[in-house]
Structures are given as structure tokens and as C-alpha cells.
Amino acid sequence: MVISGLSIGAWTSGPGQRANFFSETKEYRKSREKVGFYFGAIGVILLIITALIWYL
């Protein structure tokens, strides 16, 4: 989940987000968001598995 947040820029300020948006190419932004989505999905799946193990 942390890697996902870092790759999509979830913990940047508003001015930092705008600066990043205008300084990167569209292709790089898409690849960065793709990596963030995949790591986020893996993180959610692992959290669900952990919760199932904990409660069983």
C-alpha cells in the first residue's frame, strides 16, 4: 500500500502535485499510475488474506 501511495503521489501537497503533473509526460504518468494501481490491488488482496487468517 505504501508503494502504491508513493507511486501515484498520494502524499504530495497541492503545489507539488501540480508541479509533477506539468513536468512529466503523459506516457510516464500512465505507467506510474499503472504501477500504483497494481501495487494497491496486491495490497488490498493481502489485507483481505491477512484478515481471513486472523479471524479463522
N, C-alpha and C. Protein backbone atom coordinates (compact mmCIF):
# COMPACT_ATOMS: atom_id res chain seq x y z
N MET A 1 0.83 -1.18 0.00
CA MET A 1 0.00 0.00 0.00
C MET A 1 0.88 1.26 0.00
N VAL A 2 1.98 1.21 0.72
CA VAL A 2 2.87 2.37 0.76
C VAL A 2 3.48 2.62 -0.61
N ILE A 3 3.91 1.57 -1.28
CA ILE A 3 4.49 1.72 -2.62
C ILE A 3 3.46 2.29 -3.58
N SER A 4 2.22 1.85 -3.45
CA SER A 4 1.16 2.37 -4.30
C SER A 4 0.97 3.87 -4.06
N GLY A 5 0.91 4.27 -2.82
CA GLY A 5 0.74 5.68 -2.49
C GLY A 5 1.89 6.54 -2.98
N LEU A 6 3.10 6.01 -2.85
CA LEU A 6 4.26 6.76 -3.32
C LEU A 6 4.27 6.90 -4.83
N SER A 7 3.88 5.84 -5.53
CA SER A 7 3.97 5.89 -6.99
C SER A 7 2.88 6.75 -7.62
N ILE A 8 1.72 6.88 -6.97
CA ILE A 8 0.70 7.74 -7.54
C ILE A 8 0.76 9.16 -7.00
N GLY A 9 1.63 9.39 -6.03
CA GLY A 9 1.80 10.73 -5.48
C GLY A 9 0.72 11.13 -4.50
N ALA A 10 0.24 10.19 -3.73
CA ALA A 10 -0.86 10.44 -2.80
C ALA A 10 -0.45 11.34 -1.63
N TRP A 11 0.83 11.39 -1.31
CA TRP A 11 1.26 12.16 -0.14
C TRP A 11 2.03 13.42 -0.52
N THR A 12 1.68 14.00 -1.65
CA THR A 12 2.30 15.27 -2.04
C THR A 12 1.32 16.40 -1.81
N SER A 13 1.85 17.60 -1.66
CA SER A 13 1.00 18.77 -1.46
C SER A 13 0.38 19.20 -2.78
N GLY A 14 -0.55 20.12 -2.73
CA GLY A 14 -1.19 20.62 -3.94
C GLY A 14 -0.21 21.23 -4.93
N PRO A 15 0.65 22.15 -4.48
CA PRO A 15 1.63 22.71 -5.41
C PRO A 15 2.60 21.66 -5.95
N GLY A 16 2.98 20.70 -5.12
CA GLY A 16 3.86 19.62 -5.58
C GLY A 16 3.17 18.75 -6.62
N GLN A 17 1.89 18.50 -6.40
CA GLN A 17 1.12 17.69 -7.37
C GLN A 17 1.03 18.40 -8.72
N ARG A 18 0.77 19.70 -8.69
CA ARG A 18 0.69 20.46 -9.94
C ARG A 18 2.04 20.50 -10.64
N ALA A 19 3.11 20.69 -9.88
CA ALA A 19 4.44 20.73 -10.48
C ALA A 19 4.79 19.39 -11.12
N ASN A 20 4.45 18.30 -10.45
CA ASN A 20 4.72 16.98 -11.01
C ASN A 20 3.89 16.74 -12.26
N PHE A 21 2.62 17.17 -12.24
CA PHE A 21 1.75 16.94 -13.38
C PHE A 21 2.28 17.62 -14.64
N PHE A 22 2.73 18.84 -14.51
CA PHE A 22 3.17 19.60 -15.68
C PHE A 22 4.61 19.29 -16.10
N SER A 23 5.36 18.57 -15.27
CA SER A 23 6.75 18.28 -15.61
C SER A 23 6.96 16.87 -16.15
N GLU A 24 5.92 16.03 -16.16
CA GLU A 24 6.08 14.67 -16.64
C GLU A 24 5.26 14.44 -17.91
N THR A 25 5.68 13.48 -18.70
CA THR A 25 4.98 13.19 -19.94
C THR A 25 3.73 12.35 -19.65
N LYS A 26 2.84 12.33 -20.62
CA LYS A 26 1.60 11.56 -20.46
C LYS A 26 1.90 10.07 -20.34
N GLU A 27 2.87 9.57 -21.10
CA GLU A 27 3.21 8.15 -21.04
C GLU A 27 3.78 7.77 -19.68
N TYR A 28 4.65 8.64 -19.13
CA TYR A 28 5.24 8.35 -17.82
C TYR A 28 4.15 8.36 -16.74
N ARG A 29 3.24 9.30 -16.83
CA ARG A 29 2.16 9.39 -15.85
C ARG A 29 1.29 8.13 -15.90
N LYS A 30 0.98 7.65 -17.10
CA LYS A 30 0.17 6.43 -17.22
C LYS A 30 0.90 5.22 -16.65
N SER A 31 2.20 5.11 -16.91
CA SER A 31 2.95 3.97 -16.38
C SER A 31 3.05 4.05 -14.86
N ARG A 32 3.22 5.24 -14.33
CA ARG A 32 3.29 5.42 -12.87
C ARG A 32 1.97 5.07 -12.22
N GLU A 33 0.86 5.50 -12.82
CA GLU A 33 -0.46 5.17 -12.28
C GLU A 33 -0.75 3.67 -12.38
N LYS A 34 -0.27 3.05 -13.44
CA LYS A 34 -0.45 1.61 -13.61
C LYS A 34 0.27 0.84 -12.51
N VAL A 35 1.50 1.24 -12.22
CA VAL A 35 2.27 0.59 -11.14
C VAL A 35 1.55 0.81 -9.81
N GLY A 36 1.08 2.02 -9.58
CA GLY A 36 0.36 2.31 -8.34
C GLY A 36 -0.89 1.48 -8.19
N PHE A 37 -1.64 1.32 -9.28
CA PHE A 37 -2.85 0.51 -9.24
C PHE A 37 -2.53 -0.95 -8.93
N TYR A 38 -1.52 -1.51 -9.58
CA TYR A 38 -1.17 -2.90 -9.35
C TYR A 38 -0.72 -3.14 -7.91
N PHE A 39 0.14 -2.27 -7.40
CA PHE A 39 0.59 -2.45 -6.02
C PHE A 39 -0.55 -2.24 -5.03
N GLY A 40 -1.46 -1.32 -5.33
CA GLY A 40 -2.62 -1.11 -4.48
C GLY A 40 -3.53 -2.33 -4.47
N ALA A 41 -3.75 -2.93 -5.64
CA ALA A 41 -4.59 -4.13 -5.71
C ALA A 41 -3.94 -5.28 -4.95
N ILE A 42 -2.64 -5.45 -5.10
CA ILE A 42 -1.94 -6.50 -4.37
C ILE A 42 -2.04 -6.25 -2.86
N GLY A 43 -1.91 -5.00 -2.45
CA GLY A 43 -2.02 -4.66 -1.04
C GLY A 43 -3.39 -4.97 -0.46
N VAL A 44 -4.44 -4.67 -1.21
CA VAL A 44 -5.80 -4.95 -0.74
C VAL A 44 -6.02 -6.46 -0.64
N ILE A 45 -5.56 -7.19 -1.63
CA ILE A 45 -5.70 -8.66 -1.60
C ILE A 45 -4.98 -9.24 -0.39
N LEU A 46 -3.77 -8.76 -0.14
CA LEU A 46 -3.02 -9.27 1.02
C LEU A 46 -3.68 -8.88 2.35
N LEU A 47 -4.29 -7.70 2.41
CA LEU A 47 -5.02 -7.32 3.62
C LEU A 47 -6.23 -8.23 3.85
N ILE A 48 -6.92 -8.57 2.79
CA ILE A 48 -8.06 -9.48 2.92
C ILE A 48 -7.60 -10.86 3.38
N ILE A 49 -6.53 -11.36 2.80
CA ILE A 49 -6.00 -12.67 3.21
C ILE A 49 -5.57 -12.63 4.67
N THR A 50 -4.92 -11.56 5.07
CA THR A 50 -4.49 -11.43 6.46
C THR A 50 -5.68 -11.41 7.40
N ALA A 51 -6.74 -10.68 7.03
CA ALA A 51 -7.93 -10.63 7.87
C ALA A 51 -8.59 -12.00 7.98
N LEU A 52 -8.63 -12.74 6.88
CA LEU A 52 -9.21 -14.09 6.93
C LEU A 52 -8.40 -15.01 7.83
N ILE A 53 -7.09 -14.93 7.74
CA ILE A 53 -6.23 -15.76 8.60
C ILE A 53 -6.41 -15.38 10.06
N TRP A 54 -6.53 -14.10 10.33
CA TRP A 54 -6.65 -13.61 11.70
C TRP A 54 -7.95 -14.10 12.33
N TYR A 55 -9.06 -14.04 11.59
CA TYR A 55 -10.35 -14.39 12.15
C TYR A 55 -10.65 -15.88 12.10
N LEU A 56 -9.89 -16.64 11.37
CA LEU A 56 -10.12 -18.10 11.36
C LEU A 56 -9.26 -18.71 12.41
